[in-house]
Amino acid sequence: MSTDQRMPEAPANSDAVPEGTPDAAENLCRRCGGTGKLEGGLCPECDGSGIVLTPVGGAG
């Protein structure tokens, strides 16, 4: 018997930080390439905005 167990996909934006993080800036979402769309729906990593916040200069 074979079971189809897939590893969860790692976030493409592993360096994303929460809103309000000091020294963070907007960056294009790597998962959707900044379009906000993925596989016919909204990108789950940027919630359809195409933008994520990332640390600047080692902040975070």
Protein backbone atom coordinates (compact mmCIF):
# COMPACT_ATOMS: atom_id res chain seq x y z
CA MET A 1 0.00 0.00 0.00
CA SER A 2 1.22 3.42 -0.90
CA THR A 3 0.25 6.61 0.85
CA ASP A 4 0.71 9.98 -0.75
CA GLN A 5 2.25 11.97 2.06
CA ARG A 6 3.71 15.24 0.88
CA MET A 7 5.95 17.46 2.88
CA PRO A 8 4.40 20.85 3.56
CA GLU A 9 5.71 23.47 1.17
CA ALA A 10 8.20 25.81 2.78
CA PRO A 11 7.29 29.47 2.57
CA ALA A 12 8.96 31.21 -0.34
CA ASN A 13 9.26 34.35 1.79
CA SER A 14 11.03 32.81 4.75
CA ASP A 15 12.44 36.21 5.74
CA ALA A 16 9.03 37.93 5.91
CA VAL A 17 8.38 39.83 9.14
CA PRO A 18 5.14 41.08 10.75
CA GLU A 19 3.78 44.53 10.03
CA GLY A 20 5.19 47.10 12.43
CA THR A 21 8.63 45.47 12.60
CA PRO A 22 11.26 48.23 12.86
CA ASP A 23 13.61 48.57 9.88
CA ALA A 24 11.41 46.49 7.55
CA ALA A 25 10.40 47.44 4.02
CA GLU A 26 8.10 46.20 1.27
CA ASN A 27 9.47 43.60 -1.10
CA LEU A 28 7.92 41.57 -3.92
CA CYS A 29 6.46 38.26 -2.86
CA ARG A 30 8.74 35.50 -4.13
CA ARG A 31 5.98 32.90 -4.26
CA CYS A 32 3.74 34.73 -6.75
CA GLY A 33 6.38 37.01 -8.25
CA GLY A 34 4.51 40.11 -7.11
CA THR A 35 1.28 39.35 -8.98
CA GLY A 36 -0.74 38.47 -5.88
CA LYS A 37 -2.19 35.48 -7.73
CA LEU A 38 -1.27 31.83 -7.57
CA GLU A 39 -2.96 28.85 -9.25
CA GLY A 40 -6.12 30.78 -10.07
CA GLY A 41 -6.56 32.28 -6.61
CA LEU A 42 -4.96 34.71 -4.19
CA CYS A 43 -1.43 34.00 -3.10
CA PRO A 44 -1.54 32.67 0.48
CA GLU A 45 1.79 34.22 1.46
CA CYS A 46 1.01 37.85 0.57
CA ASP A 47 -2.80 37.61 0.79
CA GLY A 48 -3.08 38.79 -2.80
CA SER A 49 -1.13 42.02 -2.39
CA GLY A 50 2.02 40.82 -4.16
CA ILE A 51 4.06 42.44 -1.38
CA VAL A 52 5.64 41.16 1.83
CA LEU A 53 7.61 42.95 4.52
CA THR A 54 11.23 41.92 4.90
CA PRO A 55 14.07 43.11 7.15
CA VAL A 56 16.45 45.71 5.80
CA GLY A 57 20.15 45.52 6.60
CA GLY A 58 19.91 42.53 8.93
CA ALA A 59 17.02 43.91 11.00
CA GLY A 60 14.39 41.59 12.36
